[in-house]
């Protein structure tokens, strides 16, 4: 913080301290600065959302996943990552139903 900022903070504490007490004034100025810094950092990061993931069309590979717990079957046509989906808190098992083989293991 520059010297000008410290002078403004000290002046605020002195002026408010004359009316409300120096301890309460220092505490109030510190809380104001903390809330202001938090608010600025929050609003600065509001617009920084992650980019959309790159998706790949894998419908030609004939990939189907089966949940070993409940038997749910999931046919995958578009994928954004190479990991198997999860269901019932367990990873699903890959079952191929034809199609061309994938270029890398899924």
N, C-alpha and C. Protein backbone atom coordinates (compact mmCIF):
# COMPACT_ATOMS: atom_id res chain seq x y z
N UNK A 1 0.85 -1.17 0.00
CA UNK A 1 0.00 0.00 0.00
C UNK A 1 0.89 1.23 0.00
N UNK A 2 0.53 2.17 -0.80
CA UNK A 2 1.35 3.38 -0.90
C UNK A 2 1.17 4.27 0.32
N UNK A 3 2.04 5.25 0.42
CA UNK A 3 2.02 6.17 1.55
C UNK A 3 0.70 6.94 1.62
N UNK A 4 0.15 7.29 0.47
CA UNK A 4 -1.11 8.03 0.44
C UNK A 4 -2.24 7.20 1.07
N UNK A 5 -2.25 5.91 0.80
CA UNK A 5 -3.27 5.03 1.37
C UNK A 5 -3.16 4.95 2.89
N UNK A 6 -1.92 4.86 3.38
CA UNK A 6 -1.73 4.80 4.83
C UNK A 6 -2.13 6.12 5.50
N UNK A 7 -1.88 7.23 4.82
CA UNK A 7 -2.29 8.53 5.37
C UNK A 7 -3.80 8.63 5.46
N UNK A 8 -4.50 8.15 4.42
CA UNK A 8 -5.97 8.18 4.42
C UNK A 8 -6.52 7.28 5.53
N UNK A 9 -5.92 6.10 5.70
CA UNK A 9 -6.38 5.19 6.76
C UNK A 9 -6.15 5.82 8.13
N UNK A 10 -4.99 6.42 8.35
CA UNK A 10 -4.69 7.05 9.64
C UNK A 10 -5.64 8.22 9.89
N UNK A 11 -5.90 9.02 8.87
CA UNK A 11 -6.82 10.16 9.03
C UNK A 11 -8.23 9.67 9.36
N UNK A 12 -8.67 8.59 8.71
CA UNK A 12 -10.00 8.04 8.99
C UNK A 12 -10.09 7.54 10.43
N UNK A 13 -9.03 6.87 10.89
CA UNK A 13 -9.03 6.37 12.27
C UNK A 13 -9.05 7.54 13.25
N UNK A 14 -8.29 8.59 12.99
CA UNK A 14 -8.24 9.73 13.90
C UNK A 14 -9.58 10.46 13.93
N UNK A 15 -10.14 10.74 12.75
CA UNK A 15 -11.40 11.48 12.70
C UNK A 15 -12.52 10.66 13.33
N UNK A 16 -12.64 9.38 12.98
CA UNK A 16 -13.69 8.55 13.56
C UNK A 16 -13.41 8.27 15.03
N UNK A 17 -12.13 8.20 15.40
CA UNK A 17 -11.77 7.94 16.79
C UNK A 17 -12.19 9.05 17.72
N UNK A 18 -12.20 10.28 17.25
CA UNK A 18 -12.64 11.40 18.08
C UNK A 18 -14.12 11.30 18.45
N UNK A 19 -14.92 10.70 17.56
CA UNK A 19 -16.36 10.60 17.80
C UNK A 19 -16.78 9.26 18.43
N UNK A 20 -16.14 8.15 18.02
CA UNK A 20 -16.60 6.82 18.44
C UNK A 20 -15.60 6.06 19.30
N UNK A 21 -14.44 6.58 19.51
CA UNK A 21 -13.40 5.86 20.23
C UNK A 21 -12.41 5.27 19.24
N UNK A 22 -11.14 5.28 19.62
CA UNK A 22 -10.10 4.88 18.67
C UNK A 22 -10.11 3.38 18.38
N UNK A 23 -10.41 2.57 19.38
CA UNK A 23 -10.46 1.13 19.14
C UNK A 23 -11.58 0.78 18.16
N UNK A 24 -12.77 1.34 18.38
CA UNK A 24 -13.89 1.07 17.49
C UNK A 24 -13.61 1.63 16.09
N UNK A 25 -12.96 2.76 16.00
CA UNK A 25 -12.65 3.35 14.70
C UNK A 25 -11.65 2.49 13.94
N UNK A 26 -10.60 2.02 14.63
CA UNK A 26 -9.60 1.17 13.98
C UNK A 26 -10.22 -0.14 13.53
N UNK A 27 -11.08 -0.71 14.38
CA UNK A 27 -11.75 -1.95 14.02
C UNK A 27 -12.68 -1.74 12.82
N UNK A 28 -13.41 -0.64 12.81
CA UNK A 28 -14.31 -0.34 11.70
C UNK A 28 -13.57 -0.11 10.38
N UNK A 29 -12.46 0.61 10.43
CA UNK A 29 -11.68 0.86 9.22
C UNK A 29 -11.08 -0.45 8.71
N UNK A 30 -10.60 -1.30 9.63
CA UNK A 30 -10.03 -2.59 9.22
C UNK A 30 -11.10 -3.48 8.59
N UNK A 31 -12.29 -3.51 9.17
CA UNK A 31 -13.38 -4.30 8.59
C UNK A 31 -13.81 -3.75 7.24
N UNK A 32 -13.87 -2.43 7.12
CA UNK A 32 -14.21 -1.80 5.83
C UNK A 32 -13.19 -2.20 4.76
N UNK A 33 -11.91 -2.12 5.11
CA UNK A 33 -10.87 -2.48 4.14
C UNK A 33 -10.96 -3.95 3.75
N UNK A 34 -11.19 -4.82 4.72
CA UNK A 34 -11.30 -6.26 4.42
C UNK A 34 -12.48 -6.57 3.52
N UNK A 35 -13.63 -5.98 3.83
CA UNK A 35 -14.82 -6.22 3.00
C UNK A 35 -14.63 -5.62 1.61
N UNK A 36 -13.98 -4.47 1.52
CA UNK A 36 -13.74 -3.85 0.22
C UNK A 36 -12.80 -4.70 -0.64
N UNK A 37 -11.73 -5.19 -0.04
CA UNK A 37 -10.79 -6.04 -0.79
C UNK A 37 -11.46 -7.33 -1.23
N UNK A 38 -12.23 -7.96 -0.33
CA UNK A 38 -12.95 -9.18 -0.69
C UNK A 38 -13.94 -8.92 -1.82
N UNK A 39 -14.67 -7.82 -1.74
CA UNK A 39 -15.65 -7.49 -2.78
C UNK A 39 -15.00 -7.24 -4.14
N UNK A 40 -13.90 -6.50 -4.13
CA UNK A 40 -13.21 -6.25 -5.40
C UNK A 40 -12.69 -7.55 -6.01
N UNK A 41 -12.09 -8.41 -5.20
CA UNK A 41 -11.56 -9.66 -5.75
C UNK A 41 -12.70 -10.55 -6.24
N UNK A 42 -13.84 -10.55 -5.55
CA UNK A 42 -14.98 -11.35 -5.98
C UNK A 42 -15.51 -10.86 -7.33
N UNK A 43 -15.77 -9.58 -7.45
CA UNK A 43 -16.34 -9.06 -8.70
C UNK A 43 -15.34 -9.09 -9.85
N UNK A 44 -14.05 -9.04 -9.55
CA UNK A 44 -13.04 -9.16 -10.60
C UNK A 44 -13.04 -10.57 -11.18
N UNK A 45 -13.32 -11.57 -10.33
CA UNK A 45 -13.28 -12.97 -10.77
C UNK A 45 -14.62 -13.50 -11.23
N UNK A 46 -15.68 -12.72 -11.17
CA UNK A 46 -16.99 -13.19 -11.59
C UNK A 46 -16.99 -13.54 -13.08
N UNK A 47 -16.35 -12.75 -13.89
CA UNK A 47 -16.35 -12.99 -15.33
C UNK A 47 -15.34 -14.02 -15.79
N UNK A 48 -14.49 -14.50 -14.91
CA UNK A 48 -13.47 -15.48 -15.29
C UNK A 48 -14.00 -16.89 -15.08
N UNK A 49 -14.87 -17.34 -15.95
CA UNK A 49 -15.38 -18.70 -15.83
C UNK A 49 -14.54 -19.62 -16.73
N UNK A 50 -14.48 -20.90 -16.40
CA UNK A 50 -13.64 -21.82 -17.18
C UNK A 50 -14.18 -21.99 -18.59
N UNK A 51 -13.30 -22.24 -19.55
CA UNK A 51 -13.76 -22.42 -20.94
C UNK A 51 -14.51 -23.74 -21.09
N UNK A 52 -15.31 -23.81 -22.13
CA UNK A 52 -16.04 -25.04 -22.42
C UNK A 52 -15.04 -26.15 -22.77
N UNK A 53 -15.26 -27.37 -22.30
CA UNK A 53 -14.33 -28.46 -22.61
C UNK A 53 -14.44 -28.85 -24.09
N UNK A 54 -13.33 -29.34 -24.63
CA UNK A 54 -13.33 -29.83 -26.00
C UNK A 54 -14.00 -31.20 -26.02
N UNK A 55 -15.05 -31.32 -26.81
CA UNK A 55 -15.77 -32.58 -26.90
C UNK A 55 -15.42 -33.27 -28.21
N UNK A 56 -15.47 -34.59 -28.18
CA UNK A 56 -15.17 -35.37 -29.38
C UNK A 56 -16.35 -36.29 -29.67
N UNK A 57 -16.69 -36.42 -30.96
CA UNK A 57 -17.76 -37.32 -31.37
C UNK A 57 -17.20 -38.73 -31.43
N UNK A 58 -17.66 -39.60 -30.54
CA UNK A 58 -17.15 -40.98 -30.50
C UNK A 58 -18.27 -41.98 -30.74
N UNK A 59 -19.32 -41.55 -31.44
CA UNK A 59 -20.45 -42.43 -31.69
C UNK A 59 -20.07 -43.60 -32.59
N UNK A 60 -19.02 -43.46 -33.41
CA UNK A 60 -18.61 -44.54 -34.31
C UNK A 60 -17.90 -45.67 -33.57
N UNK A 61 -17.46 -45.46 -32.34
CA UNK A 61 -16.70 -46.47 -31.61
C UNK A 61 -17.59 -47.50 -30.93
N UNK A 62 -18.86 -47.23 -30.77
CA UNK A 62 -19.77 -48.19 -30.16
C UNK A 62 -19.46 -48.45 -28.70
N UNK A 63 -19.22 -47.41 -27.93
CA UNK A 63 -18.89 -47.59 -26.52
C UNK A 63 -20.15 -47.56 -25.67
N UNK A 64 -20.24 -48.54 -24.76
CA UNK A 64 -21.36 -48.59 -23.83
C UNK A 64 -20.79 -48.95 -22.46
N UNK A 65 -21.25 -48.23 -21.45
CA UNK A 65 -20.81 -48.48 -20.08
C UNK A 65 -21.96 -49.08 -19.30
N UNK A 66 -21.64 -49.99 -18.38
CA UNK A 66 -22.64 -50.64 -17.54
C UNK A 66 -22.25 -50.46 -16.08
N UNK A 67 -23.21 -50.07 -15.26
CA UNK A 67 -22.99 -49.93 -13.82
C UNK A 67 -23.07 -51.32 -13.20
N UNK A 68 -22.05 -51.70 -12.44
CA UNK A 68 -22.01 -53.02 -11.82
C UNK A 68 -22.94 -53.12 -10.61
N UNK A 69 -23.36 -52.00 -10.05
CA UNK A 69 -24.21 -52.02 -8.87
C UNK A 69 -25.70 -52.18 -9.23
N UNK A 70 -26.17 -51.36 -10.18
CA UNK A 70 -27.61 -51.36 -10.47
C UNK A 70 -27.95 -51.81 -11.88
N UNK A 71 -26.96 -51.95 -12.75
CA UNK A 71 -27.21 -52.43 -14.09
C UNK A 71 -27.55 -51.35 -15.11
N UNK A 72 -27.41 -50.09 -14.76
CA UNK A 72 -27.68 -48.99 -15.69
C UNK A 72 -26.72 -49.08 -16.87
N UNK A 73 -27.25 -48.96 -18.09
CA UNK A 73 -26.43 -48.98 -19.29
C UNK A 73 -26.39 -47.57 -19.87
N UNK A 74 -25.21 -47.14 -20.30
CA UNK A 74 -25.01 -45.79 -20.83
C UNK A 74 -24.24 -45.89 -22.13
N UNK A 75 -24.87 -45.44 -23.22
CA UNK A 75 -24.19 -45.41 -24.52
C UNK A 75 -23.56 -44.03 -24.68
N UNK A 76 -22.27 -44.00 -24.95
CA UNK A 76 -21.54 -42.74 -25.05
C UNK A 76 -21.38 -42.36 -26.51
N UNK A 77 -21.84 -41.16 -26.85
CA UNK A 77 -21.71 -40.67 -28.21
C UNK A 77 -20.81 -39.46 -28.31
N UNK A 78 -20.75 -38.65 -27.25
CA UNK A 78 -19.90 -37.47 -27.20
C UNK A 78 -19.20 -37.48 -25.86
N UNK A 79 -17.87 -37.33 -25.88
CA UNK A 79 -17.10 -37.37 -24.63
C UNK A 79 -16.18 -36.16 -24.55
N UNK A 80 -15.99 -35.66 -23.32
CA UNK A 80 -15.11 -34.53 -23.10
C UNK A 80 -13.82 -34.94 -22.39
N UNK A 81 -13.79 -36.17 -21.89
CA UNK A 81 -12.58 -36.64 -21.19
C UNK A 81 -12.47 -38.15 -21.39
N UNK A 82 -11.32 -38.69 -21.03
CA UNK A 82 -11.03 -40.10 -21.28
C UNK A 82 -11.39 -41.02 -20.11
N UNK A 83 -11.96 -40.49 -19.05
CA UNK A 83 -12.29 -41.31 -17.89
C UNK A 83 -13.68 -41.92 -18.03
N UNK A 84 -13.85 -43.08 -17.42
CA UNK A 84 -15.15 -43.73 -17.43
C UNK A 84 -16.12 -42.96 -16.53
N UNK A 85 -17.39 -42.90 -16.90
CA UNK A 85 -18.36 -42.21 -16.03
C UNK A 85 -18.58 -42.99 -14.74
N UNK A 86 -19.15 -42.31 -13.75
CA UNK A 86 -19.42 -42.93 -12.45
C UNK A 86 -20.93 -42.97 -12.22
N UNK A 87 -21.36 -44.07 -11.60
CA UNK A 87 -22.75 -44.19 -11.20
C UNK A 87 -22.77 -45.05 -9.94
N UNK A 88 -23.65 -44.78 -9.03
CA UNK A 88 -23.72 -45.48 -7.74
C UNK A 88 -22.39 -45.41 -7.01
N UNK A 89 -21.65 -44.31 -7.17
CA UNK A 89 -20.34 -44.07 -6.54
C UNK A 89 -19.28 -45.06 -6.99
N UNK A 90 -19.48 -45.76 -8.08
CA UNK A 90 -18.50 -46.69 -8.63
C UNK A 90 -18.28 -46.37 -10.10
N UNK A 91 -17.06 -46.64 -10.60
CA UNK A 91 -16.82 -46.45 -12.03
C UNK A 91 -17.58 -47.51 -12.81
N UNK A 92 -18.11 -47.11 -13.95
CA UNK A 92 -18.86 -48.03 -14.79
C UNK A 92 -17.89 -48.87 -15.62
N UNK A 93 -18.33 -50.06 -16.02
CA UNK A 93 -17.50 -51.00 -16.77
C UNK A 93 -17.77 -50.79 -18.27
N UNK A 94 -16.70 -50.76 -19.06
CA UNK A 94 -16.81 -50.54 -20.51
C UNK A 94 -17.22 -51.84 -21.19
N UNK A 95 -18.25 -51.75 -22.03
CA UNK A 95 -18.69 -52.87 -22.86
C UNK A 95 -18.77 -52.34 -24.28
N UNK A 96 -18.06 -53.00 -25.21
CA UNK A 96 -18.08 -52.55 -26.60
C UNK A 96 -19.19 -53.27 -27.34
N UNK A 97 -19.93 -52.56 -28.17
CA UNK A 97 -21.03 -53.15 -28.93
C UNK A 97 -20.78 -53.05 -30.42
N UNK A 98 -19.56 -53.14 -30.85
CA UNK A 98 -19.24 -53.02 -32.27
C UNK A 98 -18.66 -51.66 -32.57
N UNK A 99 -18.50 -51.37 -33.85
CA UNK A 99 -17.92 -50.10 -34.24
C UNK A 99 -16.41 -50.24 -34.36
N UNK A 100 -15.77 -49.18 -34.77
CA UNK A 100 -14.33 -49.23 -34.92
C UNK A 100 -13.64 -49.05 -33.56
N UNK A 101 -12.45 -49.61 -33.40
CA UNK A 101 -11.77 -49.48 -32.11
C UNK A 101 -11.28 -48.06 -31.89
N UNK A 102 -11.25 -47.60 -30.65
CA UNK A 102 -10.75 -46.26 -30.38
C UNK A 102 -9.25 -46.16 -30.62
N UNK A 103 -8.78 -44.95 -30.86
CA UNK A 103 -7.35 -44.73 -31.12
C UNK A 103 -6.51 -44.93 -29.87
N UNK A 104 -7.06 -44.68 -28.71
CA UNK A 104 -6.36 -44.87 -27.45
C UNK A 104 -7.34 -45.49 -26.46
N UNK A 105 -6.81 -46.10 -25.43
CA UNK A 105 -7.66 -46.78 -24.46
C UNK A 105 -8.55 -45.78 -23.74
N UNK A 106 -9.74 -46.19 -23.47
CA UNK A 106 -10.70 -45.32 -22.82
C UNK A 106 -10.80 -45.68 -21.36
